[in-house]
Amino acid sequence: MSEQSESPAEAYFAKDAYARELGVELVSSSPGSAHVRLGRYDKRHFNGVGTLHGAILFALADIAFAAACHSHGRQAIGIQTHMSFLAAAAAGPIDAFATELSCSRKLSTYDVQIRDREGKRIAVFQGTAYLR
């Protein structure tokens, strides 16, 4: 059996120390997309009203965005993001699915859907990156 080489998104993700610190894993990637998961979290990750902190959800979306941006093998720098929170997360893993909306010579834009373990959409994120 031949060894498969690491994808550009996997190579980028391997260098993402903050993703490792949070316990985020890269589930899958392909050119223009990435799926990441926060498998476990605890009360340290909750806000003052007892739900998963929005900063954790933003970080998860941003990590998916970055992995998808780098899936073409080009360096990308985020230049604009927007996130809307739709619902509180149920207990269990949280997944972020990044999908490329457009990619030109210098800019790429991605949609990221954040879903709880039941598949319920709990947040949406859109980001634009400058490509080097």
N, C-alpha and C. Protein backbone atom coordinates (compact mmCIF):
# COMPACT_ATOMS: atom_id res chain seq x y z
N MET A 1 0.85 -1.18 0.00
CA MET A 1 0.00 0.00 0.00
C MET A 1 0.89 1.24 0.00
N SER A 2 0.61 2.18 -0.88
CA SER A 2 1.44 3.38 -0.97
C SER A 2 1.02 4.41 0.08
N GLU A 3 2.00 5.14 0.53
CA GLU A 3 1.75 6.19 1.51
C GLU A 3 1.19 7.43 0.83
N GLN A 4 0.13 8.00 1.40
CA GLN A 4 -0.43 9.22 0.85
C GLN A 4 0.30 10.41 1.46
N SER A 5 0.53 11.42 0.64
CA SER A 5 1.20 12.61 1.16
C SER A 5 0.18 13.50 1.88
N GLU A 6 0.71 14.32 2.74
CA GLU A 6 -0.10 15.23 3.53
C GLU A 6 -0.71 16.30 2.64
N SER A 7 -2.01 16.60 2.83
CA SER A 7 -2.67 17.66 2.05
C SER A 7 -2.19 19.03 2.54
N PRO A 8 -2.37 20.07 1.73
CA PRO A 8 -1.99 21.42 2.19
C PRO A 8 -2.71 21.83 3.48
N ALA A 9 -3.99 21.47 3.61
CA ALA A 9 -4.73 21.82 4.83
C ALA A 9 -4.16 21.07 6.03
N GLU A 10 -3.79 19.81 5.85
CA GLU A 10 -3.18 19.04 6.94
C GLU A 10 -1.83 19.62 7.33
N ALA A 11 -1.06 20.04 6.34
CA ALA A 11 0.25 20.65 6.63
C ALA A 11 0.08 21.94 7.41
N TYR A 12 -0.88 22.77 7.01
CA TYR A 12 -1.16 24.01 7.75
C TYR A 12 -1.61 23.68 9.17
N PHE A 13 -2.58 22.77 9.27
CA PHE A 13 -3.18 22.45 10.56
C PHE A 13 -2.15 21.90 11.55
N ALA A 14 -1.20 21.14 11.06
CA ALA A 14 -0.15 20.57 11.92
C ALA A 14 0.66 21.65 12.62
N LYS A 15 0.69 22.86 12.07
CA LYS A 15 1.46 23.97 12.65
C LYS A 15 0.59 24.88 13.53
N ASP A 16 -0.71 24.60 13.64
CA ASP A 16 -1.63 25.47 14.37
C ASP A 16 -1.63 25.11 15.86
N ALA A 17 -0.78 25.76 16.61
CA ALA A 17 -0.62 25.47 18.04
C ALA A 17 -1.89 25.77 18.83
N TYR A 18 -2.62 26.82 18.45
CA TYR A 18 -3.83 27.17 19.19
C TYR A 18 -4.91 26.11 18.99
N ALA A 19 -5.03 25.56 17.80
CA ALA A 19 -6.00 24.48 17.57
C ALA A 19 -5.68 23.30 18.48
N ARG A 20 -4.41 22.95 18.58
CA ARG A 20 -4.01 21.86 19.47
C ARG A 20 -4.33 22.19 20.92
N GLU A 21 -4.04 23.42 21.33
CA GLU A 21 -4.31 23.85 22.71
C GLU A 21 -5.79 23.72 23.05
N LEU A 22 -6.66 24.04 22.10
CA LEU A 22 -8.11 23.94 22.34
C LEU A 22 -8.62 22.51 22.23
N GLY A 23 -7.84 21.62 21.62
CA GLY A 23 -8.29 20.25 21.42
C GLY A 23 -9.10 20.08 20.14
N VAL A 24 -8.90 20.97 19.18
CA VAL A 24 -9.62 20.90 17.89
C VAL A 24 -8.89 19.93 16.98
N GLU A 25 -9.64 19.09 16.28
CA GLU A 25 -9.05 18.15 15.32
C GLU A 25 -9.56 18.44 13.91
N LEU A 26 -8.70 18.21 12.94
CA LEU A 26 -9.08 18.30 11.53
C LEU A 26 -9.68 16.95 11.16
N VAL A 27 -10.98 16.95 10.87
CA VAL A 27 -11.67 15.71 10.53
C VAL A 27 -11.44 15.36 9.07
N SER A 28 -11.58 16.36 8.19
CA SER A 28 -11.37 16.12 6.76
C SER A 28 -11.11 17.46 6.07
N SER A 29 -10.54 17.36 4.87
CA SER A 29 -10.34 18.55 4.04
C SER A 29 -10.24 18.12 2.59
N SER A 30 -10.55 19.05 1.74
CA SER A 30 -10.37 18.89 0.30
C SER A 30 -10.18 20.30 -0.25
N PRO A 31 -9.76 20.45 -1.48
CA PRO A 31 -9.56 21.81 -1.99
C PRO A 31 -10.83 22.67 -1.84
N GLY A 32 -10.70 23.75 -1.05
CA GLY A 32 -11.81 24.66 -0.82
C GLY A 32 -12.70 24.33 0.35
N SER A 33 -12.37 23.30 1.13
CA SER A 33 -13.22 22.98 2.27
C SER A 33 -12.43 22.33 3.40
N ALA A 34 -13.01 22.42 4.59
CA ALA A 34 -12.42 21.77 5.77
C ALA A 34 -13.51 21.51 6.79
N HIS A 35 -13.36 20.42 7.52
CA HIS A 35 -14.26 20.05 8.61
C HIS A 35 -13.40 19.86 9.85
N VAL A 36 -13.68 20.65 10.90
CA VAL A 36 -12.96 20.53 12.16
C VAL A 36 -13.94 20.24 13.29
N ARG A 37 -13.41 19.67 14.38
CA ARG A 37 -14.28 19.29 15.50
C ARG A 37 -13.62 19.63 16.83
N LEU A 38 -14.44 20.18 17.72
CA LEU A 38 -14.08 20.31 19.13
C LEU A 38 -14.81 19.17 19.82
N GLY A 39 -14.07 18.10 20.10
CA GLY A 39 -14.68 16.88 20.61
C GLY A 39 -15.08 16.94 22.07
N ARG A 40 -14.24 17.60 22.87
CA ARG A 40 -14.52 17.63 24.31
C ARG A 40 -14.30 19.04 24.84
N TYR A 41 -15.17 19.42 25.75
CA TYR A 41 -15.02 20.68 26.45
C TYR A 41 -15.66 20.53 27.82
N ASP A 42 -15.35 21.45 28.72
CA ASP A 42 -15.88 21.36 30.07
C ASP A 42 -16.27 22.74 30.58
N LYS A 43 -16.55 22.87 31.86
CA LYS A 43 -17.06 24.11 32.42
C LYS A 43 -16.11 25.30 32.24
N ARG A 44 -14.81 25.03 32.02
CA ARG A 44 -13.86 26.12 31.76
C ARG A 44 -14.18 26.84 30.45
N HIS A 45 -14.92 26.19 29.58
CA HIS A 45 -15.25 26.74 28.27
C HIS A 45 -16.61 27.44 28.24
N PHE A 46 -17.27 27.53 29.41
CA PHE A 46 -18.61 28.13 29.47
C PHE A 46 -18.55 29.61 29.81
N ASN A 47 -19.57 30.32 29.39
CA ASN A 47 -19.69 31.74 29.72
C ASN A 47 -20.46 31.90 31.04
N GLY A 48 -20.79 33.13 31.39
CA GLY A 48 -21.45 33.43 32.65
C GLY A 48 -22.87 32.93 32.77
N VAL A 49 -23.50 32.55 31.66
CA VAL A 49 -24.87 32.01 31.73
C VAL A 49 -24.89 30.49 31.55
N GLY A 50 -23.69 29.87 31.55
CA GLY A 50 -23.61 28.42 31.55
C GLY A 50 -23.67 27.74 30.20
N THR A 51 -23.43 28.50 29.12
CA THR A 51 -23.39 27.89 27.79
C THR A 51 -21.97 28.01 27.22
N LEU A 52 -21.71 27.25 26.18
CA LEU A 52 -20.39 27.30 25.56
C LEU A 52 -20.09 28.72 25.13
N HIS A 53 -18.93 29.23 25.52
CA HIS A 53 -18.55 30.62 25.27
C HIS A 53 -18.47 30.92 23.78
N GLY A 54 -18.97 32.08 23.38
CA GLY A 54 -18.91 32.49 21.98
C GLY A 54 -17.50 32.57 21.44
N ALA A 55 -16.53 32.88 22.29
CA ALA A 55 -15.13 32.95 21.85
C ALA A 55 -14.63 31.57 21.42
N ILE A 56 -15.10 30.52 22.06
CA ILE A 56 -14.73 29.16 21.68
C ILE A 56 -15.33 28.83 20.32
N LEU A 57 -16.60 29.20 20.12
CA LEU A 57 -17.25 28.96 18.83
C LEU A 57 -16.57 29.76 17.72
N PHE A 58 -16.19 31.00 18.02
CA PHE A 58 -15.50 31.80 17.03
C PHE A 58 -14.15 31.17 16.68
N ALA A 59 -13.43 30.73 17.69
CA ALA A 59 -12.13 30.10 17.44
C ALA A 59 -12.29 28.86 16.58
N LEU A 60 -13.29 28.04 16.86
CA LEU A 60 -13.53 26.84 16.06
C LEU A 60 -13.82 27.20 14.61
N ALA A 61 -14.68 28.21 14.40
CA ALA A 61 -14.99 28.66 13.03
C ALA A 61 -13.76 29.22 12.34
N ASP A 62 -12.97 29.99 13.05
CA ASP A 62 -11.77 30.60 12.48
C ASP A 62 -10.74 29.53 12.11
N ILE A 63 -10.64 28.48 12.90
CA ILE A 63 -9.72 27.39 12.61
C ILE A 63 -10.17 26.65 11.34
N ALA A 64 -11.47 26.40 11.21
CA ALA A 64 -11.99 25.76 9.98
C ALA A 64 -11.74 26.65 8.77
N PHE A 65 -12.00 27.94 8.92
CA PHE A 65 -11.76 28.93 7.86
C PHE A 65 -10.29 28.89 7.42
N ALA A 66 -9.38 28.91 8.38
CA ALA A 66 -7.95 28.91 8.06
C ALA A 66 -7.54 27.63 7.34
N ALA A 67 -8.02 26.49 7.82
CA ALA A 67 -7.67 25.23 7.17
C ALA A 67 -8.18 25.20 5.73
N ALA A 68 -9.42 25.66 5.51
CA ALA A 68 -9.97 25.69 4.15
C ALA A 68 -9.21 26.67 3.27
N CYS A 69 -8.86 27.83 3.82
CA CYS A 69 -8.09 28.83 3.07
C CYS A 69 -6.77 28.26 2.58
N HIS A 70 -6.13 27.44 3.39
CA HIS A 70 -4.82 26.89 3.06
C HIS A 70 -4.91 25.58 2.26
N SER A 71 -6.13 25.14 1.95
CA SER A 71 -6.31 23.85 1.28
C SER A 71 -5.81 23.83 -0.16
N HIS A 72 -5.55 25.01 -0.73
CA HIS A 72 -5.02 25.08 -2.09
C HIS A 72 -3.49 25.17 -2.12
N GLY A 73 -2.87 25.20 -0.92
CA GLY A 73 -1.42 25.24 -0.85
C GLY A 73 -0.84 26.64 -0.94
N ARG A 74 -1.67 27.66 -0.81
CA ARG A 74 -1.19 29.05 -0.81
C ARG A 74 -1.35 29.63 0.58
N GLN A 75 -0.44 30.53 0.95
CA GLN A 75 -0.56 31.19 2.24
C GLN A 75 -1.72 32.17 2.18
N ALA A 76 -2.53 32.16 3.23
CA ALA A 76 -3.72 33.02 3.31
C ALA A 76 -3.73 33.77 4.64
N ILE A 77 -4.13 35.02 4.60
CA ILE A 77 -4.22 35.85 5.80
C ILE A 77 -5.65 36.37 5.88
N GLY A 78 -6.34 36.06 6.97
CA GLY A 78 -7.71 36.54 7.16
C GLY A 78 -7.73 38.06 7.23
N ILE A 79 -8.65 38.67 6.47
CA ILE A 79 -8.75 40.14 6.49
C ILE A 79 -10.12 40.64 6.94
N GLN A 80 -11.11 39.75 6.97
CA GLN A 80 -12.45 40.16 7.42
C GLN A 80 -13.22 38.92 7.83
N THR A 81 -13.94 39.02 8.96
CA THR A 81 -14.83 37.94 9.38
C THR A 81 -16.11 38.53 9.96
N HIS A 82 -17.12 37.70 9.95
CA HIS A 82 -18.40 38.05 10.56
C HIS A 82 -19.01 36.76 11.10
N MET A 83 -19.59 36.84 12.29
CA MET A 83 -20.20 35.64 12.88
C MET A 83 -21.52 36.00 13.52
N SER A 84 -22.50 35.14 13.33
CA SER A 84 -23.80 35.26 13.99
C SER A 84 -24.04 34.01 14.82
N PHE A 85 -24.45 34.20 16.06
CA PHE A 85 -24.76 33.11 16.97
C PHE A 85 -26.26 32.86 16.90
N LEU A 86 -26.65 31.61 16.68
CA LEU A 86 -28.05 31.29 16.45
C LEU A 86 -28.72 30.56 17.61
N ALA A 87 -27.97 29.72 18.31
CA ALA A 87 -28.53 28.92 19.39
C ALA A 87 -27.41 28.44 20.30
N ALA A 88 -27.77 28.04 21.50
CA ALA A 88 -26.80 27.46 22.43
C ALA A 88 -26.47 26.04 21.96
N ALA A 89 -25.25 25.63 22.23
CA ALA A 89 -24.80 24.29 21.83
C ALA A 89 -25.29 23.24 22.82
N ALA A 90 -25.71 22.10 22.30
CA ALA A 90 -26.02 20.95 23.15
C ALA A 90 -24.70 20.34 23.61
N ALA A 91 -24.75 19.53 24.63
CA ALA A 91 -23.54 18.84 25.11
C ALA A 91 -23.02 17.93 24.00
N GLY A 92 -21.72 17.76 23.97
CA GLY A 92 -21.12 16.88 22.97
C GLY A 92 -20.28 17.62 21.98
N PRO A 93 -19.77 16.91 20.98
CA PRO A 93 -18.87 17.54 20.02
C PRO A 93 -19.54 18.66 19.23
N ILE A 94 -18.72 19.64 18.86
CA ILE A 94 -19.16 20.75 18.01
C ILE A 94 -18.33 20.67 16.73
N ASP A 95 -19.00 20.74 15.58
CA ASP A 95 -18.32 20.65 14.29
C ASP A 95 -18.44 21.96 13.53
N ALA A 96 -17.40 22.30 12.80
CA ALA A 96 -17.40 23.47 11.92
C ALA A 96 -17.05 23.00 10.51
N PHE A 97 -17.89 23.38 9.56
CA PHE A 97 -17.73 22.99 8.16
C PHE A 97 -17.49 24.24 7.33
N ALA A 98 -16.30 24.38 6.78
CA ALA A 98 -15.95 25.55 5.97
C ALA A 98 -16.06 25.17 4.49
N THR A 99 -16.71 26.06 3.72
CA THR A 99 -16.90 25.84 2.29
C THR A 99 -16.52 27.11 1.54
N GLU A 100 -15.74 26.96 0.51
CA GLU A 100 -15.32 28.09 -0.31
C GLU A 100 -16.50 28.64 -1.11
N LEU A 101 -16.68 29.95 -1.02
CA LEU A 101 -17.71 30.62 -1.82
C LEU A 101 -17.12 31.20 -3.09
N SER A 102 -15.90 31.73 -2.99
CA SER A 102 -15.21 32.27 -4.16
C SER A 102 -13.71 32.28 -3.89
N CYS A 103 -12.96 32.21 -4.97
CA CYS A 103 -11.50 32.26 -4.86
C CYS A 103 -10.96 32.88 -6.13
N SER A 104 -10.29 34.02 -5.97
CA SER A 104 -9.68 34.70 -7.10
C SER A 104 -8.16 34.68 -6.91
N ARG A 105 -7.48 35.46 -7.70
CA ARG A 105 -6.02 35.51 -7.61
C ARG A 105 -5.54 36.01 -6.25
N LYS A 106 -6.27 36.93 -5.62
CA LYS A 106 -5.80 37.54 -4.36
C LYS A 106 -6.76 37.39 -3.18
N LEU A 107 -8.02 37.04 -3.41
CA LEU A 107 -8.99 36.96 -2.32
C LEU A 107 -9.77 35.65 -2.38
N SER A 108 -10.09 35.12 -1.21
CA SER A 108 -10.99 33.97 -1.13
C SER A 108 -11.98 34.22 0.01
N THR A 109 -13.21 33.75 -0.19
CA THR A 109 -14.27 33.94 0.79
C THR A 109 -14.88 32.59 1.12
N TYR A 110 -15.14 32.38 2.40
CA TYR A 110 -15.63 31.10 2.91
C TYR A 110 -16.84 31.27 3.81
N ASP A 111 -17.73 30.30 3.74
CA ASP A 111 -18.86 30.17 4.65
C ASP A 111 -18.52 29.05 5.62
N VAL A 112 -18.79 29.27 6.90
CA VAL A 112 -18.55 28.23 7.90
C VAL A 112 -19.84 28.02 8.69
N GLN A 113 -20.29 26.78 8.73
CA GLN A 113 -21.47 26.39 9.50
C GLN A 113 -21.00 25.66 10.74
N ILE A 114 -21.46 26.09 11.92
CA ILE A 114 -21.09 25.44 13.17
C ILE A 114 -22.33 24.68 13.64
N ARG A 115 -22.15 23.38 13.90
CA ARG A 115 -23.28 22.51 14.26
C ARG A 115 -22.96 21.72 15.53
N ASP A 116 -24.01 21.47 16.31
CA ASP A 116 -23.83 20.65 17.52
C ASP A 116 -23.95 19.17 17.17
N ARG A 117 -23.88 18.32 18.18
CA ARG A 117 -23.86 16.86 17.92
C ARG A 117 -25.12 16.37 17.26
N GLU A 118 -26.22 17.11 17.40
CA GLU A 118 -27.49 16.72 16.78
C GLU A 118 -27.61 17.26 15.35
N GLY A 119 -26.58 17.99 14.89
CA GLY A 119 -26.61 18.57 13.56
C GLY A 119 -27.31 19.91 13.49
N LYS A 120 -27.72 20.42 14.64
CA LYS A 120 -28.40 21.72 14.71
C LYS A 120 -27.39 22.83 14.47
N ARG A 121 -27.73 23.76 13.58
CA ARG A 121 -26.84 24.88 13.30
C ARG A 121 -26.91 25.85 14.48
N ILE A 122 -25.74 26.11 15.09
CA ILE A 122 -25.71 26.99 16.26
C ILE A 122 -25.03 28.32 15.97
N ALA A 123 -24.29 28.41 14.86
CA ALA A 123 -23.65 29.67 14.48
C ALA A 123 -23.27 29.61 13.01
N VAL A 124 -23.15 30.79 12.41
CA VAL A 124 -22.68 30.91 11.03
C VAL A 124 -21.58 31.96 11.00
N PHE A 125 -20.61 31.75 10.14
CA PHE A 125 -19.41 32.58 10.07
C PHE A 125 -19.10 32.77 8.60
N GLN A 126 -18.66 33.96 8.24
CA GLN A 126 -18.15 34.18 6.90
C GLN A 126 -16.83 34.92 7.02
N GLY A 127 -15.84 34.50 6.24
CA GLY A 127 -14.54 35.13 6.30
C GLY A 127 -13.94 35.30 4.92
N THR A 128 -13.13 36.36 4.80
CA THR A 128 -12.40 36.63 3.57
C THR A 128 -10.92 36.65 3.90
N ALA A 129 -10.14 36.06 3.02
CA ALA A 129 -8.69 35.99 3.22
C ALA A 129 -7.97 36.60 2.01
N TYR A 130 -6.83 37.21 2.29
CA TYR A 130 -5.92 37.69 1.27
C TYR A 130 -4.95 36.56 0.97
N LEU A 131 -4.76 36.25 -0.30
CA LEU A 131 -3.89 35.15 -0.70
C LEU A 131 -2.54 35.69 -1.16
N ARG A 132 -1.47 35.10 -0.66
CA ARG A 132 -0.12 35.49 -1.07
C ARG A 132 0.37 34.62 -2.19
